[in-house]
């Protein structure tokens, strides 16, 4: 659980992905705890990610059941709330 949100945050990622790393930095900077699922270490989770997000790229970020999207979507999500 997060300090700043009561939603469970999940990020589907790959270890070498720079956008995944950047998205995790954004979440950490906001004090948000997250569950990370590396889709290369757990191939069945790639199928789960695609089923949930309808996307094949990482990262894919969820706040509870709400699909936020990838890194750029996460940046937009927070910039819209700051305005």
C-alpha atoms as a PDB file:
ATOM      1  CA  UNK A   1       0.000   0.000   0.000  1.00  0.00           C
ATOM      2  CA  UNK A   2       1.065   3.512  -0.599  1.00  0.00           C
ATOM      3  CA  UNK A   3       1.650   6.389   1.715  1.00  0.00           C
ATOM      4  CA  UNK A   4      -0.176   8.691  -0.692  1.00  0.00           C
ATOM      5  CA  UNK A   5      -2.770   6.406  -2.206  1.00  0.00           C
ATOM      6  CA  UNK A   6      -4.877   3.614  -0.807  1.00  0.00           C
ATOM      7  CA  UNK A   7      -4.832   1.742  -4.098  1.00  0.00           C
ATOM      8  CA  UNK A   8      -2.617  -1.243  -4.778  1.00  0.00           C
ATOM      9  CA  UNK A   9      -0.148  -0.221  -7.461  1.00  0.00           C
ATOM     10  CA  UNK A  10       1.199  -2.818  -9.888  1.00  0.00           C
ATOM     11  CA  UNK A  11       3.833  -2.234 -12.547  1.00  0.00           C
ATOM     12  CA  UNK A  12       4.589  -4.841 -15.203  1.00  0.00           C
ATOM     13  CA  UNK A  13       8.165  -4.337 -16.335  1.00  0.00           C
ATOM     14  CA  UNK A  14      11.386  -5.727 -17.761  1.00  0.00           C
ATOM     15  CA  UNK A  15      14.695  -5.279 -15.958  1.00  0.00           C
ATOM     16  CA  UNK A  16      16.537  -3.532 -18.818  1.00  0.00           C
ATOM     17  CA  UNK A  17      13.701  -1.176 -19.810  1.00  0.00           C
ATOM     18  CA  UNK A  18      14.606   2.511 -19.291  1.00  0.00           C
ATOM     19  CA  UNK A  19      10.934   3.574 -19.282  1.00  0.00           C
ATOM     20  CA  UNK A  20      10.195   1.012 -16.567  1.00  0.00           C
ATOM     21  CA  UNK A  21      13.047   2.388 -14.484  1.00  0.00           C
ATOM     22  CA  UNK A  22      11.813   5.948 -15.013  1.00  0.00           C
ATOM     23  CA  UNK A  23       8.235   5.018 -14.052  1.00  0.00           C
ATOM     24  CA  UNK A  24       9.458   3.329 -10.866  1.00  0.00           C
ATOM     25  CA  UNK A  25      11.484   6.462 -10.015  1.00  0.00           C
ATOM     26  CA  UNK A  26       8.337   8.590 -10.387  1.00  0.00           C
ATOM     27  CA  UNK A  27       6.369   6.315  -8.078  1.00  0.00           C
ATOM     28  CA  UNK A  28       9.156   6.195  -5.480  1.00  0.00           C
ATOM     29  CA  UNK A  29       9.570   9.990  -5.597  1.00  0.00           C
ATOM     30  CA  UNK A  30       5.877  10.293  -4.749  1.00  0.00           C
ATOM     31  CA  UNK A  31       6.238   7.830  -1.879  1.00  0.00           C
ATOM     32  CA  UNK A  32       4.109   5.238  -3.632  1.00  0.00           C
ATOM     33  CA  UNK A  33       4.773   1.588  -2.907  1.00  0.00           C
ATOM     34  CA  UNK A  34       4.216  -0.779  -5.800  1.00  0.00           C
ATOM     35  CA  UNK A  35       4.299  -4.444  -6.705  1.00  0.00           C
ATOM     36  CA  UNK A  36       6.646  -5.072  -9.603  1.00  0.00           C
ATOM     37  CA  UNK A  37       6.106  -7.983 -11.959  1.00  0.00           C
ATOM     38  CA  UNK A  38       8.995  -8.737 -14.311  1.00  0.00           C
ATOM     39  CA  UNK A  39       7.335 -10.285 -17.352  1.00  0.00           C
ATOM     40  CA  UNK A  40      10.614 -11.838 -18.502  1.00  0.00           C
ATOM     41  CA  UNK A  41      11.088 -13.730 -15.253  1.00  0.00           C
ATOM     42  CA  UNK A  42       7.409 -14.719 -15.195  1.00  0.00           C
ATOM     43  CA  UNK A  43       6.296 -15.264 -18.819  1.00  0.00           C
ATOM     44  CA  UNK A  44       2.731 -16.122 -17.792  1.00  0.00           C
ATOM     45  CA  UNK A  45       2.470 -12.608 -16.368  1.00  0.00           C
ATOM     46  CA  UNK A  46       3.049 -11.211 -19.877  1.00  0.00           C
ATOM     47  CA  UNK A  47      -0.183 -12.932 -20.926  1.00  0.00           C
ATOM     48  CA  UNK A  48      -1.906 -11.495 -17.847  1.00  0.00           C
ATOM     49  CA  UNK A  49      -0.548  -7.996 -18.611  1.00  0.00           C
ATOM     50  CA  UNK A  50      -1.779  -8.080 -22.211  1.00  0.00           C
ATOM     51  CA  UNK A  51      -5.191  -9.344 -21.100  1.00  0.00           C
ATOM     52  CA  UNK A  52      -5.499  -6.545 -18.525  1.00  0.00           C
ATOM     53  CA  UNK A  53      -4.032  -3.662 -20.546  1.00  0.00           C
ATOM     54  CA  UNK A  54      -4.614  -4.677 -24.177  1.00  0.00           C
ATOM     55  CA  UNK A  55      -0.990  -3.581 -24.715  1.00  0.00           C
ATOM     56  CA  UNK A  56       2.209  -5.560 -25.319  1.00  0.00           C
ATOM     57  CA  UNK A  57       4.773  -2.968 -24.229  1.00  0.00           C
ATOM     58  CA  UNK A  58       6.227  -2.322 -20.791  1.00  0.00           C
ATOM     59  CA  UNK A  59       5.809  -0.714 -18.427  1.00  0.00           C
ATOM     60  CA  UNK A  60       2.098  -1.167 -17.820  1.00  0.00           C
ATOM     61  CA  UNK A  61       0.930   0.471 -14.616  1.00  0.00           C
ATOM     62  CA  UNK A  62      -2.251  -0.174 -12.662  1.00  0.00           C
ATOM     63  CA  UNK A  63      -3.642   1.680  -9.655  1.00  0.00           C
ATOM     64  CA  UNK A  64      -5.887  -1.033  -8.291  1.00  0.00           C
ATOM     65  CA  UNK A  65      -7.979  -2.085 -11.289  1.00  0.00           C
ATOM     66  CA  UNK A  66      -7.499   1.281 -13.044  1.00  0.00           C
ATOM     67  CA  UNK A  67      -5.117   0.977 -15.988  1.00  0.00           C
ATOM     68  CA  UNK A  68      -2.892   4.058 -16.026  1.00  0.00           C
ATOM     69  CA  UNK A  69      -0.822   2.933 -19.013  1.00  0.00           C
ATOM     70  CA  UNK A  70       2.894   3.243 -19.635  1.00  0.00           C
ATOM     71  CA  UNK A  71       5.523   5.757 -18.555  1.00  0.00           C
ATOM     72  CA  UNK A  72       4.208   8.644 -20.656  1.00  0.00           C
ATOM     73  CA  UNK A  73       0.674   7.959 -19.439  1.00  0.00           C
ATOM     74  CA  UNK A  74       1.909   8.037 -15.835  1.00  0.00           C
ATOM     75  CA  UNK A  75       3.566  11.415 -16.432  1.00  0.00           C
ATOM     76  CA  UNK A  76       0.306  12.737 -17.943  1.00  0.00           C
ATOM     77  CA  UNK A  77      -1.703  11.270 -15.069  1.00  0.00           C
ATOM     78  CA  UNK A  78       0.257  13.265 -12.515  1.00  0.00           C
ATOM     79  CA  UNK A  79       0.560  16.421 -14.597  1.00  0.00           C
ATOM     80  CA  UNK A  80      -3.244  16.558 -15.017  1.00  0.00           C
ATOM     81  CA  UNK A  81      -3.692  16.312 -11.249  1.00  0.00           C
ATOM     82  CA  UNK A  82      -1.176  19.080 -10.624  1.00  0.00           C
ATOM     83  CA  UNK A  83      -2.986  21.529 -12.915  1.00  0.00           C
END
